[in-house]
Amino acid sequence: MRQITANVFGFSGLKMGRVYAIVDPDGITLIDAGLPPAPQKIARQLAVHGYQITDVKRILITHAHADHVGGLPELRRMSGARVFASALEMPMVEGREMPVYPPRASIPLSARWMARDAELLPGAPVDVRLDDGDTIPDVLGGLQALLTPGHTPGHLVFWHPQRRLLFCGDVVLNLWGRQLPFAAFTPDMAANIASVQRIAALEPDVICFGHGNPLVKNAAASLRRFAAAVGHQKKLEA
């Protein structure tokens, strides 16, 4: 677990996807839950820094894909934390409906090898349903949930306007530079590009990605350039 900015930490050694910890006086908030092996790694890394897994009070879910919620049932059981998710993602997070993937025929041939058939997720109860613009007051004094559909219908990012801190889930990846989420798992790429424009307009100083290292320098300018590039590409393809 390493510090990214004040009160914000990232976990290391997770198999896929990123999980972040926000430390407040009343306890810890996690952003996403990783794959099933993640809870034990999270507990061990928290312990190294003097925390217990029961110090986790809230788990905020960006979207219902296995690499973000696969570890949620165990993490919730271990911590007793409340789970927050968007109303649209709630049926998938709870394992009552299939995650939404694009039809195989609509996926570009170059990405079709990544395609997977949708399966029910293990599922964990959602305690708090979030809508666009809702504020979670106990997290850094006020963390906002913003609806950013495209990669999934109810994808959320979490934004702190005073600190200009953004947890962007999979709206943008940071694997080989900034890039769009993989087409094989994104049912509405046009909507996702619109969501890129929305988060770029926030002008974040720090971006914590669902995949790839956080960006703590020149974040706003980098995201603005990326948004302009994908927006231009979308116009060319229209």
C-alpha atoms as a PDB file:
ATOM      1  CA  MET A   1       0.000   0.000   0.000  1.00  0.00           C
ATOM      2  CA  ARG A   2       1.507   3.307  -1.045  1.00  0.00           C
ATOM      3  CA  GLN A   3       0.392   6.886  -0.655  1.00  0.00           C
ATOM      4  CA  ILE A   4      -0.824   8.695  -3.772  1.00  0.00           C
ATOM      5  CA  THR A   5      -1.861  11.985  -2.203  1.00  0.00           C
ATOM      6  CA  ALA A   6      -2.989  13.093   1.259  1.00  0.00           C
ATOM      7  CA  ASN A   7      -5.268  10.433   2.830  1.00  0.00           C
ATOM      8  CA  VAL A   8      -5.356   8.388  -0.405  1.00  0.00           C
ATOM      9  CA  PHE A   9      -3.510   5.103  -0.897  1.00  0.00           C
ATOM     10  CA  GLY A  10      -3.285   2.408  -3.554  1.00  0.00           C
ATOM     11  CA  PHE A  11      -2.826  -1.325  -2.970  1.00  0.00           C
ATOM     12  CA  SER A  12      -0.073  -3.279  -4.708  1.00  0.00           C
ATOM     13  CA  GLY A  13       0.187  -6.815  -6.047  1.00  0.00           C
ATOM     14  CA  LEU A  14      -3.456  -7.224  -7.048  1.00  0.00           C
ATOM     15  CA  LYS A  15      -4.021  -9.612  -9.937  1.00  0.00           C
ATOM     16  CA  MET A  16      -6.032  -7.192 -12.047  1.00  0.00           C
ATOM     17  CA  GLY A  17      -7.566  -3.782 -11.536  1.00  0.00           C
ATOM     18  CA  ARG A  18      -6.879  -1.162  -8.902  1.00  0.00           C
ATOM     19  CA  VAL A  19      -8.320  -0.719  -5.427  1.00  0.00           C
ATOM     20  CA  TYR A  20      -7.864   2.552  -3.544  1.00  0.00           C
ATOM     21  CA  ALA A  21      -8.170   3.426   0.141  1.00  0.00           C
ATOM     22  CA  ILE A  22      -9.294   6.800   1.480  1.00  0.00           C
ATOM     23  CA  VAL A  23      -8.541   7.366   5.166  1.00  0.00           C
ATOM     24  CA  ASP A  24     -10.922   9.539   7.190  1.00  0.00           C
ATOM     25  CA  PRO A  25     -11.246  10.017  10.963  1.00  0.00           C
ATOM     26  CA  ASP A  26     -14.176   7.572  11.141  1.00  0.00           C
ATOM     27  CA  GLY A  27     -12.484   4.855   9.103  1.00  0.00           C
ATOM     28  CA  ILE A  28     -11.475   3.791   5.613  1.00  0.00           C
ATOM     29  CA  THR A  29     -13.340   3.921   2.316  1.00  0.00           C
ATOM     30  CA  LEU A  30     -12.340   1.587  -0.508  1.00  0.00           C
ATOM     31  CA  ILE A  31     -12.885   2.332  -4.181  1.00  0.00           C
ATOM     32  CA  ASP A  32     -13.738  -1.039  -5.804  1.00  0.00           C
ATOM     33  CA  ALA A  33     -12.932  -4.519  -4.528  1.00  0.00           C
ATOM     34  CA  GLY A  34     -10.761  -6.297  -7.107  1.00  0.00           C
ATOM     35  CA  LEU A  35     -10.842  -9.980  -7.979  1.00  0.00           C
ATOM     36  CA  PRO A  36     -11.505 -12.718  -5.363  1.00  0.00           C
ATOM     37  CA  PRO A  37      -7.860 -12.916  -4.120  1.00  0.00           C
ATOM     38  CA  ALA A  38      -7.820  -9.181  -3.340  1.00  0.00           C
ATOM     39  CA  PRO A  39      -9.459  -9.076   0.134  1.00  0.00           C
ATOM     40  CA  GLN A  40      -6.675 -11.000   1.868  1.00  0.00           C
ATOM     41  CA  LYS A  41      -4.007  -8.838   0.198  1.00  0.00           C
ATOM     42  CA  ILE A  42      -5.889  -5.693   1.164  1.00  0.00           C
ATOM     43  CA  ALA A  43      -6.169  -6.865   4.784  1.00  0.00           C
ATOM     44  CA  ARG A  44      -2.451  -7.648   4.974  1.00  0.00           C
ATOM     45  CA  GLN A  45      -1.410  -4.301   3.518  1.00  0.00           C
ATOM     46  CA  LEU A  46      -3.739  -2.402   5.812  1.00  0.00           C
ATOM     47  CA  ALA A  47      -2.233  -4.244   8.787  1.00  0.00           C
ATOM     48  CA  VAL A  48       1.285  -3.162   7.791  1.00  0.00           C
ATOM     49  CA  HIS A  49       0.091   0.442   8.118  1.00  0.00           C
ATOM     50  CA  GLY A  50      -1.586  -0.149  11.477  1.00  0.00           C
ATOM     51  CA  TYR A  51      -5.178  -0.663  10.315  1.00  0.00           C
ATOM     52  CA  GLN A  52      -7.549  -3.593  10.618  1.00  0.00           C
ATOM     53  CA  ILE A  53      -9.885  -4.787   7.890  1.00  0.00           C
ATOM     54  CA  THR A  54     -12.785  -3.806  10.165  1.00  0.00           C
ATOM     55  CA  ASP A  55     -11.599  -0.193   9.844  1.00  0.00           C
ATOM     56  CA  VAL A  56     -13.054  -0.314   6.318  1.00  0.00           C
ATOM     57  CA  LYS A  57     -16.471   1.332   6.653  1.00  0.00           C
ATOM     58  CA  ARG A  58     -17.488   1.905   3.022  1.00  0.00           C
ATOM     59  CA  ILE A  59     -16.847   0.228  -0.333  1.00  0.00           C
ATOM     60  CA  LEU A  60     -17.681   2.384  -3.358  1.00  0.00           C
ATOM     61  CA  ILE A  61     -18.183   0.474  -6.616  1.00  0.00           C
ATOM     62  CA  THR A  62     -17.452   2.109  -9.965  1.00  0.00           C
ATOM     63  CA  HIS A  63     -19.065  -0.665 -12.026  1.00  0.00           C
ATOM     64  CA  ALA A  64     -20.087  -4.305 -12.038  1.00  0.00           C
ATOM     65  CA  HIS A  65     -17.276  -6.139 -13.803  1.00  0.00           C
ATOM     66  CA  ALA A  66     -15.547  -9.061 -12.126  1.00  0.00           C
ATOM     67  CA  ASP A  67     -12.187  -7.300 -11.784  1.00  0.00           C
ATOM     68  CA  HIS A  68     -13.892  -4.573  -9.747  1.00  0.00           C
ATOM     69  CA  VAL A  69     -16.422  -6.560  -7.694  1.00  0.00           C
ATOM     70  CA  GLY A  70     -15.164 -10.157  -7.701  1.00  0.00           C
ATOM     71  CA  GLY A  71     -13.690  -9.706  -4.231  1.00  0.00           C
ATOM     72  CA  LEU A  72     -16.671  -7.780  -2.908  1.00  0.00           C
ATOM     73  CA  PRO A  73     -18.583 -10.590  -1.116  1.00  0.00           C
ATOM     74  CA  GLU A  74     -15.531 -11.619   0.920  1.00  0.00           C
ATOM     75  CA  LEU A  75     -14.410  -8.044   1.507  1.00  0.00           C
ATOM     76  CA  ARG A  76     -17.858  -7.104   2.774  1.00  0.00           C
ATOM     77  CA  ARG A  77     -17.960 -10.201   5.022  1.00  0.00           C
ATOM     78  CA  MET A  78     -14.511  -9.493   6.483  1.00  0.00           C
ATOM     79  CA  SER A  79     -15.039  -5.794   7.073  1.00  0.00           C
ATOM     80  CA  GLY A  80     -18.751  -5.337   7.656  1.00  0.00           C
ATOM     81  CA  ALA A  81     -18.529  -2.270   5.401  1.00  0.00           C
ATOM     82  CA  ARG A  82     -21.503  -0.730   3.625  1.00  0.00           C
ATOM     83  CA  VAL A  83     -21.526  -1.089  -0.169  1.00  0.00           C
ATOM     84  CA  PHE A  84     -22.351   1.854  -2.437  1.00  0.00           C
ATOM     85  CA  ALA A  85     -23.191   1.461  -6.144  1.00  0.00           C
ATOM     86  CA  SER A  86     -25.276   3.155  -8.808  1.00  0.00           C
ATOM     87  CA  ALA A  87     -28.919   2.197  -9.137  1.00  0.00           C
ATOM     88  CA  LEU A  88     -28.228   0.895 -12.652  1.00  0.00           C
ATOM     89  CA  GLU A  89     -25.332  -1.335 -11.556  1.00  0.00           C
ATOM     90  CA  MET A  90     -27.025  -2.600  -8.408  1.00  0.00           C
ATOM     91  CA  PRO A  91     -28.700  -5.702  -9.971  1.00  0.00           C
ATOM     92  CA  MET A  92     -25.345  -6.825 -11.401  1.00  0.00           C
ATOM     93  CA  VAL A  93     -23.383  -6.079  -8.213  1.00  0.00           C
ATOM     94  CA  GLU A  94     -25.909  -8.145  -6.260  1.00  0.00           C
ATOM     95  CA  GLY A  95     -25.661 -11.056  -8.714  1.00  0.00           C
ATOM     96  CA  ARG A  96     -29.293 -10.815  -9.846  1.00  0.00           C
ATOM     97  CA  GLU A  97     -28.624  -9.780 -13.460  1.00  0.00           C
ATOM     98  CA  MET A  98     -25.874 -10.449 -15.992  1.00  0.00           C
ATOM     99  CA  PRO A  99     -23.215  -7.787 -16.608  1.00  0.00           C
ATOM    100  CA  VAL A 100     -23.800  -5.963 -19.894  1.00  0.00           C
ATOM    101  CA  TYR A 101     -21.283  -6.808 -22.627  1.00  0.00           C
ATOM    102  CA  PRO A 102     -21.440  -5.815 -26.295  1.00  0.00           C
ATOM    103  CA  PRO A 103     -22.738  -8.391 -28.816  1.00  0.00           C
ATOM    104  CA  ARG A 104     -19.791 -10.395 -30.136  1.00  0.00           C
ATOM    105  CA  ALA A 105     -20.585  -9.417 -33.724  1.00  0.00           C
ATOM    106  CA  SER A 106     -20.262  -5.715 -32.870  1.00  0.00           C
ATOM    107  CA  ILE A 107     -16.753  -6.056 -31.436  1.00  0.00           C
ATOM    108  CA  PRO A 108     -13.908  -5.134 -33.828  1.00  0.00           C
ATOM    109  CA  LEU A 109     -12.165  -8.217 -35.172  1.00  0.00           C
ATOM    110  CA  SER A 110      -8.895  -7.137 -33.558  1.00  0.00           C
ATOM    111  CA  ALA A 111     -10.543  -7.248 -30.111  1.00  0.00           C
ATOM    112  CA  ARG A 112     -12.878 -10.203 -30.546  1.00  0.00           C
ATOM    113  CA  TRP A 113     -10.381 -12.646 -29.012  1.00  0.00           C
ATOM    114  CA  MET A 114     -10.959 -10.894 -25.661  1.00  0.00           C
ATOM    115  CA  ALA A 115     -14.733 -11.352 -25.742  1.00  0.00           C
ATOM    116  CA  ARG A 116     -16.301 -13.336 -22.896  1.00  0.00           C
ATOM    117  CA  ASP A 117     -19.790 -14.631 -22.350  1.00  0.00           C
ATOM    118  CA  ALA A 118     -21.565 -12.798 -19.530  1.00  0.00           C
ATOM    119  CA  GLU A 119     -21.929 -14.711 -16.269  1.00  0.00           C
ATOM    120  CA  LEU A 120     -23.622 -13.784 -13.036  1.00  0.00           C
ATOM    121  CA  LEU A 121     -21.225 -12.234 -10.553  1.00  0.00           C
ATOM    122  CA  PRO A 122     -20.954 -13.769  -7.051  1.00  0.00           C
ATOM    123  CA  GLY A 123     -22.998 -10.860  -5.723  1.00  0.00           C
ATOM    124  CA  ALA A 124     -23.118  -8.842  -2.522  1.00  0.00           C
ATOM    125  CA  PRO A 125     -25.934  -6.654  -1.168  1.00  0.00           C
ATOM    126  CA  VAL A 126     -25.799  -2.950  -1.994  1.00  0.00           C
ATOM    127  CA  ASP A 127     -26.564  -0.829   1.058  1.00  0.00           C
ATOM    128  CA  VAL A 128     -26.632   2.614  -0.577  1.00  0.00           C
ATOM    129  CA  ARG A 129     -27.817   3.379  -4.120  1.00  0.00           C
ATOM    130  CA  LEU A 130     -26.141   6.340  -5.766  1.00  0.00           C
ATOM    131  CA  ASP A 131     -27.520   8.626  -8.447  1.00  0.00           C
ATOM    132  CA  ASP A 132     -25.711  11.170 -10.578  1.00  0.00           C
ATOM    133  CA  GLY A 133     -24.485  14.052  -8.427  1.00  0.00           C
ATOM    134  CA  ASP A 134     -25.002  12.374  -5.055  1.00  0.00           C
ATOM    135  CA  THR A 135     -22.483  13.352  -2.373  1.00  0.00           C
ATOM    136  CA  ILE A 136     -21.034  10.954   0.187  1.00  0.00           C
ATOM    137  CA  PRO A 137     -20.400  13.377   3.061  1.00  0.00           C
ATOM    138  CA  ASP A 138     -18.278  11.101   5.252  1.00  0.00           C
ATOM    139  CA  VAL A 139     -15.556  10.675   2.594  1.00  0.00           C
ATOM    140  CA  LEU A 140     -13.025  13.541   2.615  1.00  0.00           C
ATOM    141  CA  GLY A 141     -15.838  15.836   3.688  1.00  0.00           C
ATOM    142  CA  GLY A 142     -17.794  15.276   0.495  1.00  0.00           C
ATOM    143  CA  LEU A 143     -17.024  12.911  -2.395  1.00  0.00           C
ATOM    144  CA  GLN A 144     -19.350  13.155  -5.392  1.00  0.00           C
ATOM    145  CA  ALA A 145     -20.648  10.266  -7.502  1.00  0.00           C
ATOM    146  CA  LEU A 146     -20.966  11.161 -11.198  1.00  0.00           C
ATOM    147  CA  LEU A 147     -22.690   8.924 -13.735  1.00  0.00           C
ATOM    148  CA  THR A 148     -20.356   8.157 -16.649  1.00  0.00           C
ATOM    149  CA  PRO A 149     -22.042   5.497 -18.822  1.00  0.00           C
ATOM    150  CA  GLY A 150     -20.540   3.659 -21.745  1.00  0.00           C
ATOM    151  CA  HIS A 151     -18.174   1.032 -20.379  1.00  0.00           C
ATOM    152  CA  THR A 152     -21.212  -0.128 -18.395  1.00  0.00           C
ATOM    153  CA  PRO A 153     -24.663   1.485 -18.266  1.00  0.00           C
ATOM    154  CA  GLY A 154     -24.355   2.684 -14.670  1.00  0.00           C
ATOM    155  CA  HIS A 155     -20.624   3.338 -14.409  1.00  0.00           C
ATOM    156  CA  LEU A 156     -19.694   5.888 -11.734  1.00  0.00           C
ATOM    157  CA  VAL A 157     -16.637   8.020 -11.173  1.00  0.00           C
ATOM    158  CA  PHE A 158     -15.932   9.590  -7.791  1.00  0.00           C
ATOM    159  CA  TRP A 159     -14.881  13.233  -7.684  1.00  0.00           C
ATOM    160  CA  HIS A 160     -13.685  15.578  -4.966  1.00  0.00           C
ATOM    161  CA  PRO A 161     -14.014  19.115  -6.358  1.00  0.00           C
ATOM    162  CA  GLN A 162     -12.057  20.948  -3.649  1.00  0.00           C
ATOM    163  CA  ARG A 163      -9.056  18.643  -3.954  1.00  0.00           C
ATOM    164  CA  ARG A 164      -9.591  18.092  -7.696  1.00  0.00           C
ATOM    165  CA  LEU A 165      -9.212  14.366  -7.093  1.00  0.00           C
ATOM    166  CA  LEU A 166     -10.823  11.898  -9.512  1.00  0.00           C
ATOM    167  CA  PHE A 167     -11.318   8.134  -9.276  1.00  0.00           C
ATOM    168  CA  CYS A 168     -12.244   7.400 -12.884  1.00  0.00           C
ATOM    169  CA  GLY A 169     -12.856   3.644 -12.894  1.00  0.00           C
ATOM    170  CA  ASP A 170     -12.604   2.368 -16.466  1.00  0.00           C
ATOM    171  CA  VAL A 171     -13.750   5.465 -18.374  1.00  0.00           C
ATOM    172  CA  VAL A 172     -10.066   5.921 -19.250  1.00  0.00           C
ATOM    173  CA  LEU A 173      -7.262   3.387 -18.792  1.00  0.00           C
ATOM    174  CA  ASN A 174      -3.605   4.226 -18.188  1.00  0.00           C
ATOM    175  CA  LEU A 175      -1.845   1.102 -19.431  1.00  0.00           C
ATOM    176  CA  TRP A 176       0.113   2.257 -22.495  1.00  0.00           C
ATOM    177  CA  GLY A 177      -0.580   5.928 -22.096  1.00  0.00           C
ATOM    178  CA  ARG A 178      -4.170   7.057 -21.858  1.00  0.00           C
ATOM    179  CA  GLN A 179      -6.606   4.833 -23.760  1.00  0.00           C
ATOM    180  CA  LEU A 180     -10.268   3.966 -24.013  1.00  0.00           C
ATOM    181  CA  PRO A 181     -11.556   0.840 -22.233  1.00  0.00           C
ATOM    182  CA  PHE A 182     -11.363  -2.406 -24.157  1.00  0.00           C
ATOM    183  CA  ALA A 183     -14.042  -2.713 -26.822  1.00  0.00           C
ATOM    184  CA  ALA A 184     -14.761  -6.328 -25.868  1.00  0.00           C
ATOM    185  CA  PHE A 185     -16.159  -5.162 -22.510  1.00  0.00           C
ATOM    186  CA  THR A 186     -17.680  -1.796 -23.485  1.00  0.00           C
ATOM    187  CA  PRO A 187     -21.238  -1.977 -24.865  1.00  0.00           C
ATOM    188  CA  ASP A 188     -21.496   1.719 -25.815  1.00  0.00           C
ATOM    189  CA  MET A 189     -18.156   3.247 -26.775  1.00  0.00           C
ATOM    190  CA  ALA A 190     -19.785   6.433 -28.065  1.00  0.00           C
ATOM    191  CA  ALA A 191     -21.344   7.007 -24.646  1.00  0.00           C
ATOM    192  CA  ASN A 192     -17.991   6.276 -23.013  1.00  0.00           C
ATOM    193  CA  ILE A 193     -16.322   8.914 -25.198  1.00  0.00           C
ATOM    194  CA  ALA A 194     -18.978  11.392 -24.059  1.00  0.00           C
ATOM    195  CA  SER A 195     -18.101  10.407 -20.481  1.00  0.00           C
ATOM    196  CA  VAL A 196     -14.428  11.110 -21.257  1.00  0.00           C
ATOM    197  CA  GLN A 197     -15.450  14.630 -22.252  1.00  0.00           C
ATOM    198  CA  ARG A 198     -17.370  15.006 -18.989  1.00  0.00           C
ATOM    199  CA  ILE A 199     -14.482  14.035 -16.741  1.00  0.00           C
ATOM    200  CA  ALA A 200     -11.984  16.080 -18.775  1.00  0.00           C
ATOM    201  CA  ALA A 201     -14.116  19.162 -18.113  1.00  0.00           C
ATOM    202  CA  LEU A 202     -13.577  18.621 -14.372  1.00  0.00           C
ATOM    203  CA  GLU A 203      -9.870  19.542 -14.771  1.00  0.00           C
ATOM    204  CA  PRO A 204      -8.589  17.027 -12.174  1.00  0.00           C
ATOM    205  CA  ASP A 205      -5.181  17.453 -10.565  1.00  0.00           C
ATOM    206  CA  VAL A 206      -4.947  13.760  -9.577  1.00  0.00           C
ATOM    207  CA  ILE A 207      -6.502  10.847 -11.481  1.00  0.00           C
ATOM    208  CA  CYS A 208      -6.737   7.354  -9.994  1.00  0.00           C
ATOM    209  CA  PHE A 209      -7.449   4.849 -12.774  1.00  0.00           C
ATOM    210  CA  GLY A 210      -9.123   1.461 -12.557  1.00  0.00           C
ATOM    211  CA  HIS A 211      -6.222   0.088 -14.600  1.00  0.00           C
ATOM    212  CA  GLY A 212      -2.775   1.650 -14.623  1.00  0.00           C
ATOM    213  CA  ASN A 213      -0.796   3.959 -12.399  1.00  0.00           C
ATOM    214  CA  PRO A 214      -2.367   7.107 -10.956  1.00  0.00           C
ATOM    215  CA  LEU A 215      -1.542  10.390 -12.653  1.00  0.00           C
ATOM    216  CA  VAL A 216      -0.386  13.100 -10.234  1.00  0.00           C
ATOM    217  CA  LYS A 217       1.391  15.544 -12.582  1.00  0.00           C
ATOM    218  CA  ASN A 218      -0.154  17.463 -15.487  1.00  0.00           C
ATOM    219  CA  ALA A 219      -3.287  15.346 -15.099  1.00  0.00           C
ATOM    220  CA  ALA A 220      -5.780  17.923 -16.363  1.00  0.00           C
ATOM    221  CA  ALA A 221      -3.772  18.769 -19.483  1.00  0.00           C
ATOM    222  CA  SER A 222      -3.146  15.109 -20.278  1.00  0.00           C
ATOM    223  CA  LEU A 223      -6.820  14.201 -19.922  1.00  0.00           C
ATOM    224  CA  ARG A 224      -7.863  17.258 -21.943  1.00  0.00           C
ATOM    225  CA  ARG A 225      -5.576  16.208 -24.831  1.00  0.00           C
ATOM    226  CA  PHE A 226      -6.905  12.672 -24.709  1.00  0.00           C
ATOM    227  CA  ALA A 227     -10.521  13.855 -24.710  1.00  0.00           C
ATOM    228  CA  ALA A 228      -9.829  16.054 -27.742  1.00  0.00           C
ATOM    229  CA  ALA A 229      -8.174  13.163 -29.592  1.00  0.00           C
ATOM    230  CA  VAL A 230     -10.951  10.632 -29.023  1.00  0.00           C
ATOM    231  CA  GLY A 231     -13.595  13.264 -29.722  1.00  0.00           C
ATOM    232  CA  HIS A 232     -11.933  14.062 -33.052  1.00  0.00           C
ATOM    233  CA  GLN A 233     -11.701  10.360 -33.911  1.00  0.00           C
ATOM    234  CA  LYS A 234     -15.403   9.934 -33.149  1.00  0.00           C
ATOM    235  CA  LYS A 235     -16.266  12.782 -35.553  1.00  0.00           C
ATOM    236  CA  LEU A 236     -14.157  11.209 -38.312  1.00  0.00           C
ATOM    237  CA  GLU A 237     -15.955   7.886 -37.863  1.00  0.00           C
ATOM    238  CA  ALA A 238     -19.439   9.469 -37.827  1.00  0.00           C
END
